[in-house]
């Protein structure tokens, strides 16, 4: 019996950062996938991970990230990479969040570098944020996905067991520990397919 629906932000509710990364790479003559490669190297201790845990600020991140790129033989602008992160809202997923909030407990689980409360948000995204019972942020907690402690904190905040949760994320590495804890997981590649899977899990319509 599902009691709670948990959603990632980037790549699920809003378009993921990958398009911004790809645009930066194309515009600067860099190999496709370079930024993702940098972020996947030493993924728990690299500049991106430390930034998302709130251990370093943006300027320190930029310098460290640029150093990691240089170690691979490429020059990048760390702040420019960050500036391309904001993605457009996916209305169909936002509607699914709204409908889930009417029947289930809901949580937003996001790795971010700045607390949502201090970020400038569109009116649309601000409305979506209001539908969540809890917002679990790496920059606030000092813990990030895929650390199992992150999911434990989310479950404790919602007062639910992992086995009573369904969790949507666009990265398999983030879903694996959640699944090991007992959560039902859905990898978001195509939003329509993911919402169809979620409807099957929760047992009610999320679209139309």
C-alpha atoms as a PDB file:
ATOM      1  CA  UNK A   1       0.000   0.000   0.000  1.00  0.00           C
ATOM      2  CA  UNK A   2       1.622   3.242  -1.150  1.00  0.00           C
ATOM      3  CA  UNK A   3       1.344   6.060   1.366  1.00  0.00           C
ATOM      4  CA  UNK A   4       3.855   8.547  -0.055  1.00  0.00           C
ATOM      5  CA  UNK A   5       5.035   9.739  -3.470  1.00  0.00           C
ATOM      6  CA  UNK A   6       8.563  11.142  -3.617  1.00  0.00           C
ATOM      7  CA  UNK A   7       9.813  13.184  -6.565  1.00  0.00           C
ATOM      8  CA  UNK A   8      13.204  14.414  -7.723  1.00  0.00           C
ATOM      9  CA  UNK A   9      13.234  17.955  -9.126  1.00  0.00           C
ATOM     10  CA  UNK A  10      15.719  18.280 -11.999  1.00  0.00           C
ATOM     11  CA  UNK A  11      15.035  15.698 -14.694  1.00  0.00           C
ATOM     12  CA  UNK A  12      11.606  14.884 -13.263  1.00  0.00           C
ATOM     13  CA  UNK A  13       9.490  17.938 -12.403  1.00  0.00           C
ATOM     14  CA  UNK A  14      11.655  20.300 -14.437  1.00  0.00           C
ATOM     15  CA  UNK A  15      13.819  19.520 -17.444  1.00  0.00           C
ATOM     16  CA  UNK A  16      17.149  18.128 -16.231  1.00  0.00           C
ATOM     17  CA  UNK A  17      20.525  19.862 -16.387  1.00  0.00           C
ATOM     18  CA  UNK A  18      21.796  17.611 -19.164  1.00  0.00           C
ATOM     19  CA  UNK A  19      20.448  19.896 -21.894  1.00  0.00           C
ATOM     20  CA  UNK A  20      22.241  22.877 -20.364  1.00  0.00           C
ATOM     21  CA  UNK A  21      25.446  20.853 -20.119  1.00  0.00           C
ATOM     22  CA  UNK A  22      25.137  19.783 -23.753  1.00  0.00           C
ATOM     23  CA  UNK A  23      24.529  23.357 -24.900  1.00  0.00           C
ATOM     24  CA  UNK A  24      27.609  24.593 -23.038  1.00  0.00           C
ATOM     25  CA  UNK A  25      29.719  21.809 -24.545  1.00  0.00           C
ATOM     26  CA  UNK A  26      28.534  22.544 -28.085  1.00  0.00           C
ATOM     27  CA  UNK A  27      29.029  26.301 -27.750  1.00  0.00           C
ATOM     28  CA  UNK A  28      32.543  25.861 -26.376  1.00  0.00           C
ATOM     29  CA  UNK A  29      33.810  23.090 -28.637  1.00  0.00           C
ATOM     30  CA  UNK A  30      33.995  20.518 -25.849  1.00  0.00           C
ATOM     31  CA  UNK A  31      33.416  16.775 -26.183  1.00  0.00           C
ATOM     32  CA  UNK A  32      29.843  15.639 -25.732  1.00  0.00           C
ATOM     33  CA  UNK A  33      29.271  14.311 -22.222  1.00  0.00           C
ATOM     34  CA  UNK A  34      32.376  15.950 -20.736  1.00  0.00           C
ATOM     35  CA  UNK A  35      30.558  17.636 -17.844  1.00  0.00           C
ATOM     36  CA  UNK A  36      28.758  14.434 -16.891  1.00  0.00           C
ATOM     37  CA  UNK A  37      32.109  12.649 -17.061  1.00  0.00           C
ATOM     38  CA  UNK A  38      33.658  15.174 -14.681  1.00  0.00           C
ATOM     39  CA  UNK A  39      30.709  14.825 -12.301  1.00  0.00           C
ATOM     40  CA  UNK A  40      30.890  11.039 -12.302  1.00  0.00           C
ATOM     41  CA  UNK A  41      34.605  10.982 -11.440  1.00  0.00           C
ATOM     42  CA  UNK A  42      35.087  10.605  -7.669  1.00  0.00           C
ATOM     43  CA  UNK A  43      31.337  11.237  -7.465  1.00  0.00           C
ATOM     44  CA  UNK A  44      31.185  11.444  -3.666  1.00  0.00           C
ATOM     45  CA  UNK A  45      34.161  13.760  -3.170  1.00  0.00           C
ATOM     46  CA  UNK A  46      34.348  15.906  -6.306  1.00  0.00           C
ATOM     47  CA  UNK A  47      33.492  19.594  -6.488  1.00  0.00           C
ATOM     48  CA  UNK A  48      29.874  18.995  -7.485  1.00  0.00           C
ATOM     49  CA  UNK A  49      29.237  16.620  -4.580  1.00  0.00           C
ATOM     50  CA  UNK A  50      30.824  18.961  -2.056  1.00  0.00           C
ATOM     51  CA  UNK A  51      28.812  21.903  -3.386  1.00  0.00           C
ATOM     52  CA  UNK A  52      25.540  19.981  -3.146  1.00  0.00           C
ATOM     53  CA  UNK A  53      26.298  19.074   0.457  1.00  0.00           C
ATOM     54  CA  UNK A  54      26.900  22.732   1.229  1.00  0.00           C
ATOM     55  CA  UNK A  55      30.567  22.143   2.066  1.00  0.00           C
ATOM     56  CA  UNK A  56      31.861  24.747  -0.396  1.00  0.00           C
ATOM     57  CA  UNK A  57      30.426  27.937  -1.856  1.00  0.00           C
ATOM     58  CA  UNK A  58      29.889  28.723  -5.515  1.00  0.00           C
ATOM     59  CA  UNK A  59      33.200  30.479  -6.116  1.00  0.00           C
ATOM     60  CA  UNK A  60      35.134  27.673  -4.460  1.00  0.00           C
ATOM     61  CA  UNK A  61      33.121  25.181  -6.491  1.00  0.00           C
ATOM     62  CA  UNK A  62      33.905  26.967  -9.743  1.00  0.00           C
ATOM     63  CA  UNK A  63      37.643  26.903  -9.052  1.00  0.00           C
ATOM     64  CA  UNK A  64      37.597  23.244  -8.008  1.00  0.00           C
ATOM     65  CA  UNK A  65      35.417  22.186 -10.954  1.00  0.00           C
ATOM     66  CA  UNK A  66      37.656  24.017 -13.394  1.00  0.00           C
ATOM     67  CA  UNK A  67      40.636  22.197 -11.866  1.00  0.00           C
ATOM     68  CA  UNK A  68      38.942  18.837 -12.360  1.00  0.00           C
ATOM     69  CA  UNK A  69      38.267  19.692 -15.998  1.00  0.00           C
ATOM     70  CA  UNK A  70      41.851  20.843 -16.487  1.00  0.00           C
ATOM     71  CA  UNK A  71      43.087  17.519 -15.096  1.00  0.00           C
ATOM     72  CA  UNK A  72      41.266  15.906 -18.024  1.00  0.00           C
ATOM     73  CA  UNK A  73      42.813  18.378 -20.456  1.00  0.00           C
ATOM     74  CA  UNK A  74      39.923  20.838 -20.894  1.00  0.00           C
ATOM     75  CA  UNK A  75      39.184  24.403 -19.871  1.00  0.00           C
ATOM     76  CA  UNK A  76      35.685  25.184 -18.620  1.00  0.00           C
ATOM     77  CA  UNK A  77      33.995  28.065 -16.826  1.00  0.00           C
ATOM     78  CA  UNK A  78      32.472  26.644 -13.659  1.00  0.00           C
ATOM     79  CA  UNK A  79      30.048  29.510 -13.107  1.00  0.00           C
ATOM     80  CA  UNK A  80      28.856  29.358 -16.706  1.00  0.00           C
ATOM     81  CA  UNK A  81      28.083  25.667 -16.244  1.00  0.00           C
ATOM     82  CA  UNK A  82      25.975  26.480 -13.179  1.00  0.00           C
ATOM     83  CA  UNK A  83      24.127  29.249 -15.008  1.00  0.00           C
ATOM     84  CA  UNK A  84      22.789  26.707 -17.501  1.00  0.00           C
ATOM     85  CA  UNK A  85      21.114  24.533 -14.890  1.00  0.00           C
ATOM     86  CA  UNK A  86      17.625  26.018 -14.683  1.00  0.00           C
ATOM     87  CA  UNK A  87      15.154  23.871 -16.607  1.00  0.00           C
ATOM     88  CA  UNK A  88      11.572  24.447 -17.720  1.00  0.00           C
ATOM     89  CA  UNK A  89       8.687  23.051 -15.710  1.00  0.00           C
ATOM     90  CA  UNK A  90       7.021  19.900 -17.036  1.00  0.00           C
ATOM     91  CA  UNK A  91       3.297  20.685 -16.641  1.00  0.00           C
ATOM     92  CA  UNK A  92       2.188  17.057 -16.870  1.00  0.00           C
ATOM     93  CA  UNK A  93       4.474  16.041 -14.007  1.00  0.00           C
ATOM     94  CA  UNK A  94       3.400  19.063 -11.971  1.00  0.00           C
ATOM     95  CA  UNK A  95      -0.216  17.947 -12.388  1.00  0.00           C
ATOM     96  CA  UNK A  96       0.731  14.466 -11.192  1.00  0.00           C
ATOM     97  CA  UNK A  97       2.314  15.993  -8.082  1.00  0.00           C
ATOM     98  CA  UNK A  98      -0.886  17.962  -7.425  1.00  0.00           C
ATOM     99  CA  UNK A  99      -3.075  14.876  -7.719  1.00  0.00           C
ATOM    100  CA  UNK A 100      -0.747  12.830  -5.525  1.00  0.00           C
ATOM    101  CA  UNK A 101      -0.843  15.563  -2.890  1.00  0.00           C
ATOM    102  CA  UNK A 102      -4.622  15.166  -2.642  1.00  0.00           C
ATOM    103  CA  UNK A 103      -4.413  11.479  -1.695  1.00  0.00           C
ATOM    104  CA  UNK A 104      -0.888  10.731  -0.500  1.00  0.00           C
ATOM    105  CA  UNK A 105       1.932  12.221   1.489  1.00  0.00           C
ATOM    106  CA  UNK A 106       4.367  13.914  -0.873  1.00  0.00           C
ATOM    107  CA  UNK A 107       8.046  14.748  -0.699  1.00  0.00           C
ATOM    108  CA  UNK A 108      10.548  16.539  -2.920  1.00  0.00           C
ATOM    109  CA  UNK A 109      14.016  14.961  -2.757  1.00  0.00           C
ATOM    110  CA  UNK A 110      16.586  17.145  -4.464  1.00  0.00           C
ATOM    111  CA  UNK A 111      20.334  17.505  -4.671  1.00  0.00           C
ATOM    112  CA  UNK A 112      20.880  21.241  -4.927  1.00  0.00           C
ATOM    113  CA  UNK A 113      23.511  23.863  -4.196  1.00  0.00           C
ATOM    114  CA  UNK A 114      21.233  26.557  -2.800  1.00  0.00           C
ATOM    115  CA  UNK A 115      18.246  26.154  -0.440  1.00  0.00           C
ATOM    116  CA  UNK A 116      14.910  26.416  -2.221  1.00  0.00           C
ATOM    117  CA  UNK A 117      13.788  29.063   0.272  1.00  0.00           C
ATOM    118  CA  UNK A 118      16.533  31.425  -0.910  1.00  0.00           C
ATOM    119  CA  UNK A 119      16.153  30.742  -4.630  1.00  0.00           C
ATOM    120  CA  UNK A 120      14.279  32.808  -7.163  1.00  0.00           C
ATOM    121  CA  UNK A 121      11.477  30.677  -8.536  1.00  0.00           C
ATOM    122  CA  UNK A 122       8.834  31.119 -11.167  1.00  0.00           C
ATOM    123  CA  UNK A 123       5.242  31.434  -9.965  1.00  0.00           C
ATOM    124  CA  UNK A 124       4.537  28.037 -11.521  1.00  0.00           C
ATOM    125  CA  UNK A 125       7.338  26.273  -9.656  1.00  0.00           C
ATOM    126  CA  UNK A 126       6.453  28.067  -6.429  1.00  0.00           C
ATOM    127  CA  UNK A 127       2.923  26.691  -6.729  1.00  0.00           C
ATOM    128  CA  UNK A 128       4.237  23.161  -7.243  1.00  0.00           C
ATOM    129  CA  UNK A 129       6.506  23.500  -4.216  1.00  0.00           C
ATOM    130  CA  UNK A 130       3.456  24.280  -2.128  1.00  0.00           C
ATOM    131  CA  UNK A 131       1.993  20.843  -2.848  1.00  0.00           C
ATOM    132  CA  UNK A 132       4.775  18.988  -1.048  1.00  0.00           C
ATOM    133  CA  UNK A 133       4.482  18.004   2.590  1.00  0.00           C
ATOM    134  CA  UNK A 134       8.272  18.008   2.943  1.00  0.00           C
ATOM    135  CA  UNK A 135      11.175  19.301   0.877  1.00  0.00           C
ATOM    136  CA  UNK A 136      14.412  17.398   1.458  1.00  0.00           C
ATOM    137  CA  UNK A 137      17.461  19.298   0.164  1.00  0.00           C
ATOM    138  CA  UNK A 138      21.093  18.242   0.081  1.00  0.00           C
ATOM    139  CA  UNK A 139      22.317  21.809   0.560  1.00  0.00           C
ATOM    140  CA  UNK A 140      20.349  22.065   3.809  1.00  0.00           C
ATOM    141  CA  UNK A 141      21.018  18.599   5.235  1.00  0.00           C
ATOM    142  CA  UNK A 142      24.661  18.215   4.248  1.00  0.00           C
ATOM    143  CA  UNK A 143      23.762  14.809   2.794  1.00  0.00           C
ATOM    144  CA  UNK A 144      22.958  14.051  -0.829  1.00  0.00           C
ATOM    145  CA  UNK A 145      21.524  11.294  -2.953  1.00  0.00           C
ATOM    146  CA  UNK A 146      22.492   8.468  -3.267  1.00  0.00           C
ATOM    147  CA  UNK A 147      23.513   8.350   0.411  1.00  0.00           C
ATOM    148  CA  UNK A 148      20.925   6.081   2.131  1.00  0.00           C
ATOM    149  CA  UNK A 149      20.776   8.568   5.016  1.00  0.00           C
ATOM    150  CA  UNK A 150      19.124  11.055   2.659  1.00  0.00           C
ATOM    151  CA  UNK A 151      16.190   8.704   2.037  1.00  0.00           C
ATOM    152  CA  UNK A 152      15.957   7.804   5.709  1.00  0.00           C
ATOM    153  CA  UNK A 153      15.601  11.491   6.561  1.00  0.00           C
ATOM    154  CA  UNK A 154      12.829  11.854   3.980  1.00  0.00           C
ATOM    155  CA  UNK A 155      10.908   8.896   5.378  1.00  0.00           C
ATOM    156  CA  UNK A 156      11.293  10.153   8.935  1.00  0.00           C
ATOM    157  CA  UNK A 157      10.050  13.605   7.940  1.00  0.00           C
ATOM    158  CA  UNK A 158       6.949  12.061   6.354  1.00  0.00           C
ATOM    159  CA  UNK A 159       6.545   9.413   9.076  1.00  0.00           C
ATOM    160  CA  UNK A 160       6.379   6.566   6.557  1.00  0.00           C
ATOM    161  CA  UNK A 161       8.275   3.336   6.033  1.00  0.00           C
ATOM    162  CA  UNK A 162      10.410   3.071   2.865  1.00  0.00           C
ATOM    163  CA  UNK A 163       8.216   0.176   1.725  1.00  0.00           C
ATOM    164  CA  UNK A 164       5.233   2.562   1.664  1.00  0.00           C
ATOM    165  CA  UNK A 165       6.960   4.979  -0.755  1.00  0.00           C
ATOM    166  CA  UNK A 166       7.229   5.309  -4.503  1.00  0.00           C
ATOM    167  CA  UNK A 167      10.178   7.404  -5.682  1.00  0.00           C
ATOM    168  CA  UNK A 168      10.789   8.984  -9.103  1.00  0.00           C
ATOM    169  CA  UNK A 169      14.268  10.072 -10.194  1.00  0.00           C
ATOM    170  CA  UNK A 170      16.017  10.371 -13.546  1.00  0.00           C
ATOM    171  CA  UNK A 171      19.253   8.752 -12.338  1.00  0.00           C
ATOM    172  CA  UNK A 172      19.551   5.048 -11.707  1.00  0.00           C
ATOM    173  CA  UNK A 173      22.358   5.616  -9.203  1.00  0.00           C
ATOM    174  CA  UNK A 174      19.895   7.547  -7.032  1.00  0.00           C
ATOM    175  CA  UNK A 175      17.193   4.908  -7.318  1.00  0.00           C
ATOM    176  CA  UNK A 176      19.339   1.909  -6.414  1.00  0.00           C
ATOM    177  CA  UNK A 177      19.699   2.603  -2.660  1.00  0.00           C
ATOM    178  CA  UNK A 178      16.044   3.631  -2.396  1.00  0.00           C
ATOM    179  CA  UNK A 179      15.022   0.332  -3.962  1.00  0.00           C
ATOM    180  CA  UNK A 180      17.356  -1.560  -1.613  1.00  0.00           C
ATOM    181  CA  UNK A 181      15.543   0.087   1.316  1.00  0.00           C
ATOM    182  CA  UNK A 182      12.220  -1.205   0.037  1.00  0.00           C
ATOM    183  CA  UNK A 183      10.892   1.716  -1.991  1.00  0.00           C
ATOM    184  CA  UNK A 184       9.128   1.233  -5.303  1.00  0.00           C
ATOM    185  CA  UNK A 185      11.252   3.153  -7.807  1.00  0.00           C
ATOM    186  CA  UNK A 186      10.550   4.642 -11.213  1.00  0.00           C
ATOM    187  CA  UNK A 187      13.311   5.894 -13.494  1.00  0.00           C
ATOM    188  CA  UNK A 188      12.182   8.929 -15.456  1.00  0.00           C
ATOM    189  CA  UNK A 189      13.453   8.814 -19.027  1.00  0.00           C
ATOM    190  CA  UNK A 190      10.220   9.560 -20.866  1.00  0.00           C
ATOM    191  CA  UNK A 191       7.847  11.518 -18.573  1.00  0.00           C
ATOM    192  CA  UNK A 192       4.693   9.985 -20.092  1.00  0.00           C
ATOM    193  CA  UNK A 193       5.970   6.456 -19.544  1.00  0.00           C
ATOM    194  CA  UNK A 194       7.022   7.306 -16.004  1.00  0.00           C
ATOM    195  CA  UNK A 195       3.604   8.750 -15.192  1.00  0.00           C
ATOM    196  CA  UNK A 196       1.926   5.641 -16.577  1.00  0.00           C
ATOM    197  CA  UNK A 197       4.091   3.560 -14.243  1.00  0.00           C
ATOM    198  CA  UNK A 198       3.223   5.831 -11.332  1.00  0.00           C
ATOM    199  CA  UNK A 199      -0.503   5.534 -12.076  1.00  0.00           C
ATOM    200  CA  UNK A 200      -0.178   1.762 -11.963  1.00  0.00           C
ATOM    201  CA  UNK A 201       1.529   1.983  -8.577  1.00  0.00           C
ATOM    202  CA  UNK A 202      -0.789   4.480  -6.884  1.00  0.00           C
ATOM    203  CA  UNK A 203      -3.992   3.210  -8.476  1.00  0.00           C
ATOM    204  CA  UNK A 204      -5.531   6.501  -9.609  1.00  0.00           C
ATOM    205  CA  UNK A 205      -5.358   8.846 -12.602  1.00  0.00           C
ATOM    206  CA  UNK A 206      -2.624  11.460 -12.720  1.00  0.00           C
ATOM    207  CA  UNK A 207      -3.309  12.900 -16.148  1.00  0.00           C
ATOM    208  CA  UNK A 208      -6.092  14.346 -18.272  1.00  0.00           C
END
